[in-house]
Protein backbone atom coordinates (compact mmCIF):
# COMPACT_ATOMS: atom_id res chain seq x y z
CA MET A 1 -2.25 17.57 35.50
CA SER A 2 -5.39 19.47 36.51
CA ASP A 3 -5.91 22.75 38.31
CA THR A 4 -8.47 21.70 40.95
CA GLY A 5 -8.49 25.23 42.42
CA THR A 6 -10.21 26.61 39.31
CA GLY A 7 -12.21 23.50 38.47
CA SER A 8 -10.57 23.19 35.06
CA SER A 9 -9.01 19.94 33.86
CA THR A 10 -7.44 18.49 30.76
CA LEU A 11 -9.08 15.31 29.61
CA PRO A 12 -6.52 12.59 28.83
CA ARG A 13 -6.23 11.48 25.23
CA PRO A 14 -7.93 8.07 24.90
CA LEU A 15 -5.42 5.27 24.40
CA PRO A 16 -5.33 3.98 20.84
CA ARG A 17 -6.59 0.50 20.04
CA ILE A 18 -4.10 -1.49 17.99
CA LEU A 19 -5.02 -4.64 16.07
CA LEU A 20 -1.96 -6.83 15.51
CA LEU A 21 -2.08 -9.69 12.99
CA GLY A 22 0.56 -12.42 12.87
CA LYS A 23 1.35 -12.23 16.59
CA ASN A 24 3.43 -15.43 16.68
CA GLY A 25 5.74 -14.69 13.75
CA GLN A 26 9.26 -13.37 14.26
CA VAL A 27 8.25 -9.72 13.94
CA GLY A 28 4.78 -10.22 15.42
CA TRP A 29 6.18 -11.71 18.62
CA GLU A 30 8.43 -8.68 19.13
CA LEU A 31 5.57 -6.32 18.24
CA GLN A 32 3.52 -7.67 21.15
CA ARG A 33 6.25 -6.27 23.40
CA SER A 34 7.01 -3.00 21.58
CA LEU A 35 3.39 -1.96 21.00
CA ALA A 36 2.21 -2.66 24.56
CA PRO A 37 3.09 0.82 25.96
CA LEU A 38 1.18 2.59 23.17
CA GLY A 39 -2.34 1.49 24.03
CA GLU A 40 -4.71 -1.47 23.95
CA VAL A 41 -3.19 -4.19 21.79
CA ILE A 42 -5.42 -6.97 20.45
CA ALA A 43 -3.05 -9.56 19.02
CA LEU A 44 -4.31 -12.33 16.74
CA ASP A 45 -2.86 -15.30 14.93
CA ARG A 46 -4.50 -17.41 12.23
CA HIS A 47 -6.75 -19.14 14.77
CA GLY A 48 -9.99 -17.49 15.86
CA THR A 49 -10.02 -15.59 19.15
CA PRO A 50 -13.14 -14.78 21.22
CA HIS A 51 -14.16 -11.13 21.32
CA PRO A 52 -12.40 -9.55 24.35
CA THR A 53 -15.54 -8.00 25.88
CA ASP A 54 -18.59 -9.54 24.18
CA ALA A 55 -18.97 -13.31 24.56
CA ASN A 56 -21.87 -13.32 22.09
CA ALA A 57 -19.95 -11.56 19.32
CA PRO A 58 -18.39 -13.58 16.46
CA ALA A 59 -14.81 -14.72 17.01
CA LEU A 60 -12.12 -12.29 15.89
CA CYS A 61 -10.28 -13.41 12.77
CA GLY A 62 -6.55 -13.16 12.13
CA ASP A 63 -6.48 -15.63 9.26
CA LEU A 64 -5.34 -13.83 6.11
CA THR A 65 -7.03 -16.43 3.91
CA ASP A 66 -10.43 -15.43 5.38
CA LEU A 67 -11.01 -12.06 3.75
CA ASP A 68 -14.59 -11.69 5.03
CA GLY A 69 -13.42 -12.53 8.54
CA LEU A 70 -10.75 -9.84 8.38
CA ILE A 71 -13.28 -7.22 7.28
CA ARG A 72 -15.69 -8.24 10.04
CA THR A 73 -12.95 -8.11 12.67
CA VAL A 74 -11.90 -4.57 11.69
CA GLN A 75 -15.54 -3.45 11.65
CA VAL A 76 -16.17 -4.92 15.12
CA LEU A 77 -12.99 -3.63 16.78
CA ARG A 78 -12.73 -0.29 14.94
CA PRO A 79 -9.01 -0.02 15.76
CA ASP A 80 -6.97 3.16 15.46
CA VAL A 81 -4.08 1.18 13.99
CA ILE A 82 -3.87 -2.17 12.18
CA VAL A 83 -0.42 -3.76 12.16
CA ASN A 84 -0.16 -6.59 9.65
CA ALA A 85 2.83 -8.76 10.54
CA ALA A 86 1.42 -11.85 8.80
CA ALA A 87 2.46 -12.92 5.30
CA HIS A 88 3.50 -15.78 3.05
CA THR A 89 7.28 -15.62 3.58
CA ALA A 90 8.36 -19.07 2.33
CA VAL A 91 10.10 -17.67 -0.75
CA ASP A 92 10.73 -20.95 -2.58
CA LYS A 93 7.38 -22.49 -1.64
CA ALA A 94 5.60 -19.47 -3.12
CA GLU A 95 6.77 -20.57 -6.57
CA SER A 96 4.67 -23.74 -6.29
CA GLU A 97 1.66 -22.15 -4.54
CA PRO A 98 1.28 -18.72 -6.18
CA GLU A 99 -2.47 -18.52 -5.45
CA LEU A 100 -1.90 -18.84 -1.70
CA ALA A 101 1.01 -16.38 -1.83
CA ARG A 102 -1.20 -13.87 -3.66
CA ARG A 103 -4.06 -14.32 -1.17
CA LEU A 104 -1.78 -13.70 1.83
CA ASN A 105 0.55 -11.08 0.36
CA ALA A 106 -1.73 -9.09 -1.97
CA GLU A 107 -5.44 -9.78 -1.51
CA ALA A 108 -5.47 -9.73 2.31
CA PRO A 109 -3.52 -6.45 2.53
CA GLN A 110 -5.93 -4.95 -0.01
CA VAL A 111 -8.92 -5.95 2.11
CA LEU A 112 -7.24 -4.70 5.29
CA ALA A 113 -6.46 -1.38 3.59
CA GLN A 114 -10.07 -0.96 2.46
CA ALA A 115 -11.34 -1.85 5.94
CA ALA A 116 -8.83 0.57 7.51
CA GLN A 117 -10.00 3.33 5.20
CA ALA A 118 -13.63 2.63 6.16
CA VAL A 119 -12.98 3.02 9.92
CA GLY A 120 -10.30 5.71 9.67
CA ALA A 121 -7.45 3.51 10.91
CA TRP A 122 -3.77 3.59 10.05
CA LEU A 123 -2.46 0.42 8.39
CA VAL A 124 1.12 -0.67 9.10
CA HIS A 125 2.42 -3.30 6.68
CA TYR A 126 5.74 -5.02 6.04
CA SER A 127 7.27 -5.55 2.63
CA THR A 128 10.64 -6.64 1.31
CA ASP A 129 13.71 -5.85 -0.76
CA TYR A 130 12.47 -8.62 -3.09
CA VAL A 131 10.28 -6.01 -4.82
CA PHE A 132 13.51 -4.93 -6.59
CA ASP A 133 15.48 -6.86 -9.20
CA GLY A 134 18.65 -6.98 -7.13
CA SER A 135 20.84 -5.34 -9.77
CA GLY A 136 23.78 -3.02 -9.18
CA SER A 137 25.47 -2.26 -5.89
CA THR A 138 23.79 0.98 -4.79
CA PRO A 139 21.38 0.80 -1.84
CA TRP A 140 17.79 0.92 -3.05
CA GLN A 141 15.76 4.07 -2.40
CA GLU A 142 11.99 4.04 -1.92
CA THR A 143 11.46 5.76 -5.26
CA ASP A 144 13.60 3.38 -7.35
CA PRO A 145 11.84 1.33 -10.04
CA THR A 146 10.69 -2.07 -8.82
CA GLY A 147 11.25 -5.33 -10.69
CA PRO A 148 10.62 -8.45 -8.60
CA LEU A 149 12.26 -11.70 -9.70
CA SER A 150 10.00 -14.16 -7.84
CA THR A 151 6.39 -14.93 -6.97
CA TYR A 152 7.09 -13.80 -3.44
CA GLY A 153 8.46 -10.46 -4.63
CA ARG A 154 5.64 -9.93 -7.13
CA THR A 155 2.89 -10.65 -4.61
CA LYS A 156 4.49 -8.43 -1.97
CA LEU A 157 4.66 -5.60 -4.51
CA GLU A 158 0.99 -6.14 -5.39
CA GLY A 159 0.18 -5.81 -1.69
CA GLU A 160 2.05 -2.51 -1.47
CA GLN A 161 0.28 -1.15 -4.53
CA ALA A 162 -3.15 -2.19 -3.26
CA ILE A 163 -2.57 -0.43 0.06
CA GLN A 164 -1.45 2.77 -1.68
CA ALA A 165 -4.44 2.66 -4.05
CA SER A 166 -6.94 2.23 -1.20
CA GLY A 167 -6.52 5.75 0.11
CA CYS A 168 -6.03 4.57 3.69
CA ARG A 169 -3.40 6.16 5.91
CA HIS A 170 -0.48 3.77 5.86
CA LEU A 171 3.11 2.96 6.76
CA ILE A 172 4.83 0.34 4.61
CA PHE A 173 8.21 -0.87 5.85
CA ARG A 174 10.41 -2.72 3.38
CA THR A 175 13.00 -4.78 5.20
CA SER A 176 15.51 -7.54 4.49
CA TRP A 177 17.36 -10.53 5.94
CA VAL A 178 15.09 -10.67 9.00
CA TYR A 179 16.09 -12.83 11.96
CA ALA A 180 15.02 -13.31 15.58
CA ALA A 181 16.26 -15.17 18.62
CA ARG A 182 12.93 -17.00 18.68
CA GLY A 183 12.48 -19.74 16.07
CA GLY A 184 14.87 -20.81 13.34
CA ASN A 185 17.29 -18.45 11.64
CA PHE A 186 20.41 -18.43 9.46
CA ALA A 187 22.77 -17.92 12.41
CA LYS A 188 21.40 -20.95 14.27
CA THR A 189 21.71 -23.04 11.12
CA MET A 190 25.33 -21.99 10.66
CA LEU A 191 26.15 -22.82 14.29
CA ARG A 192 24.55 -26.25 13.97
CA LEU A 193 26.48 -26.99 10.78
CA ALA A 194 29.69 -25.60 12.30
CA ALA A 195 29.35 -28.11 15.12
CA GLU A 196 28.96 -30.97 12.62
CA ARG A 197 31.38 -30.11 9.80
CA GLU A 198 34.96 -28.90 9.38
CA ARG A 199 34.20 -27.06 6.13
CA LEU A 200 31.23 -24.89 5.20
CA THR A 201 30.33 -23.26 1.87
CA VAL A 202 28.34 -20.03 2.03
CA ILE A 203 27.15 -17.62 -0.68
CA ASN A 204 29.25 -14.47 -1.07
CA ASP A 205 27.60 -12.61 -3.98
CA GLN A 206 24.37 -11.49 -2.27
CA PHE A 207 24.66 -8.28 -0.24
CA GLY A 208 22.39 -6.99 2.50
CA ALA A 209 22.08 -6.22 6.21
CA PRO A 210 20.83 -8.81 8.73
CA THR A 211 17.98 -7.03 10.53
CA GLY A 212 16.57 -8.13 13.87
CA ALA A 213 12.84 -8.53 14.41
CA ASP A 214 13.30 -6.62 17.68
CA LEU A 215 14.70 -3.61 15.81
CA ILE A 216 11.84 -3.73 13.29
CA ALA A 217 9.30 -3.85 16.12
CA ASP A 218 10.88 -0.98 18.05
CA VAL A 219 11.08 1.25 14.97
CA THR A 220 7.45 0.38 14.18
CA ALA A 221 6.29 1.45 17.64
CA HIS A 222 8.24 4.71 17.39
CA ALA A 223 6.76 5.45 13.96
CA ILE A 224 3.20 4.64 15.08
CA ARG A 225 3.53 7.02 18.02
CA HIS A 226 4.81 9.70 15.66
CA VAL A 227 1.97 9.39 13.14
CA LEU A 228 -0.73 9.17 15.80
CA HIS A 229 0.50 12.38 17.44
CA THR A 230 1.30 14.38 14.31
CA GLY A 231 -0.89 12.86 11.60
CA GLN A 232 2.20 13.14 9.38
CA GLY A 233 4.60 10.58 7.94
CA GLN A 234 2.50 8.37 5.68
CA GLY A 235 4.48 6.45 3.09
CA VAL A 236 6.87 3.67 2.16
CA TYR A 237 10.11 3.36 4.13
CA HIS A 238 13.20 1.18 4.01
CA LEU A 239 14.00 -0.35 7.39
CA ALA A 240 17.21 -2.32 7.85
CA ALA A 241 20.17 -2.35 10.21
CA ALA A 242 23.15 -0.20 9.24
CA GLY A 243 26.05 -1.53 7.22
CA GLU A 244 26.20 -4.41 4.77
CA THR A 245 27.64 -7.89 4.42
CA THR A 246 27.23 -11.10 2.44
CA TRP A 247 25.85 -14.40 3.69
CA HIS A 248 29.48 -15.54 3.85
CA GLY A 249 30.41 -12.50 5.93
CA TYR A 250 27.36 -13.04 8.13
CA ALA A 251 28.26 -16.70 8.74
CA SER A 252 31.90 -15.85 9.46
CA HIS A 253 30.84 -13.17 11.97
CA VAL A 254 28.40 -15.51 13.70
CA ILE A 255 30.94 -18.28 14.16
CA ALA A 256 33.71 -15.93 15.35
CA ALA A 257 31.32 -14.19 17.75
CA ALA A 258 30.03 -17.50 19.09
CA ARG A 259 33.59 -18.63 19.87
CA THR A 260 34.19 -15.38 21.76
CA LEU A 261 30.90 -15.39 23.64
CA LYS A 262 31.07 -19.06 24.59
CA PRO A 263 34.65 -20.39 24.40
CA GLU A 264 33.58 -23.83 25.62
CA LEU A 265 31.36 -24.26 22.54
CA THR A 266 32.53 -27.19 20.41
CA LEU A 267 32.69 -26.07 16.78
CA LYS A 268 34.44 -28.35 14.29
CA VAL A 269 34.51 -25.87 11.43
CA ASN A 270 37.89 -24.48 10.39
CA THR A 271 37.12 -23.32 6.84
CA ILE A 272 34.24 -21.28 5.44
CA ASP A 273 34.46 -21.25 1.65
CA PRO A 274 32.81 -18.43 -0.33
CA VAL A 275 30.71 -19.62 -3.29
CA PRO A 276 28.43 -17.91 -5.85
CA THR A 277 24.64 -18.09 -5.71
CA SER A 278 24.74 -20.54 -8.62
CA ALA A 279 26.24 -23.14 -6.28
CA PHE A 280 22.89 -23.44 -4.50
CA PRO A 281 20.08 -23.48 -7.10
CA THR A 282 16.65 -22.62 -5.65
CA PRO A 283 13.11 -22.47 -7.12
CA ALA A 284 12.95 -18.70 -6.50
CA GLN A 285 15.59 -16.36 -7.84
CA ARG A 286 17.35 -14.34 -5.14
CA PRO A 287 18.35 -10.69 -5.57
CA HIS A 288 22.11 -10.06 -5.46
CA ASN A 289 21.69 -6.53 -4.13
CA SER A 290 19.46 -6.33 -1.07
CA ARG A 291 20.99 -3.12 0.26
CA LEU A 292 18.33 -0.64 1.42
CA ASP A 293 18.84 3.11 1.79
CA THR A 294 17.24 4.06 5.13
CA THR A 295 17.80 7.84 4.89
CA GLN A 296 14.09 8.66 4.57
CA LEU A 297 13.12 6.58 7.62
CA ARG A 298 15.87 8.05 9.79
CA HIS A 299 15.12 11.64 8.83
CA THR A 300 11.32 11.39 9.08
CA PHE A 301 11.23 9.72 12.48
CA GLY A 302 14.47 11.00 14.00
CA LEU A 303 16.09 7.60 14.40
CA THR A 304 19.53 6.03 14.34
CA LEU A 305 19.76 2.48 13.06
CA PRO A 306 22.49 0.42 14.75
CA PRO A 307 25.08 -1.62 12.80
CA TRP A 308 23.90 -5.10 11.90
CA GLN A 309 26.66 -6.69 13.98
CA GLN A 310 25.19 -5.21 17.18
CA GLY A 311 21.84 -6.93 16.77
CA VAL A 312 23.39 -10.25 15.74
CA GLN A 313 25.70 -10.14 18.78
CA ARG A 314 22.72 -9.58 21.07
CA MET A 315 20.76 -12.41 19.45
CA LEU A 316 23.71 -14.78 19.84
CA ALA A 317 24.03 -13.87 23.51
CA GLU A 318 20.40 -14.95 23.93
CA VAL A 319 20.56 -18.25 22.04
CA LEU A 320 23.96 -19.59 23.05
């Protein structure tokens, strides 16, 4: 508001420019929505995109394997915030392609952090509970010793460490058991199998909280607004829905909720047997304890994280 009678006016704060990488992933898709009110969002996937205002400029690069292209893109756009929602997330596949996993999860974040530092941008990055060894039953705090069990976990930890070493202003969100209504997810798989089989077997000795991509995106937008306005809040945070369950508990909830939401749904399943992790051998070792303590996130940004069942219920209402 300006006082035209005295000729004085307050110049509006320029809207921040936000570079989003991985726009078509589960979290990236939701970030396109949640970041839109904050400023100018330039969203990229791994394919080149023409410069938004200069037809003669080189194409913008969102391909994490192209480190030079990433640097060039940050230098050209000079964003206020870089949000990296791209990664190598195929946990088992990472065991057989460690070089690619390291390029996407460690080397690219390092380059983005250095480029962010050079232009004075904030870097927002996503990590995982897989940086821990999954021992015990206490929710992990940000300061707990890490001990990844897999190539995926090791490369994600390397990415975190590279960002912290770069000196750039950063937010690193460790999350777990991510799902979205868009694309494939555990709940959809369980519903498909429940329609085909009378008996299911689901792991009951891994503990965590199913966390919606929409929740991750909304918390991210809130945190970005906070740090841009205050300059405070840099660090590593645990971001997961409230509560805990097992994959067996998750599957049981999904099937019961589906029957309530859509009674006409034909589901054959009548038994869901709990089994240990050892019943389903995989190339990558899974952590048994994926619980994350979100106290620091909630206190720093003034947030309440809803129970995991609430987000799953909403997702089911969309997909059924």
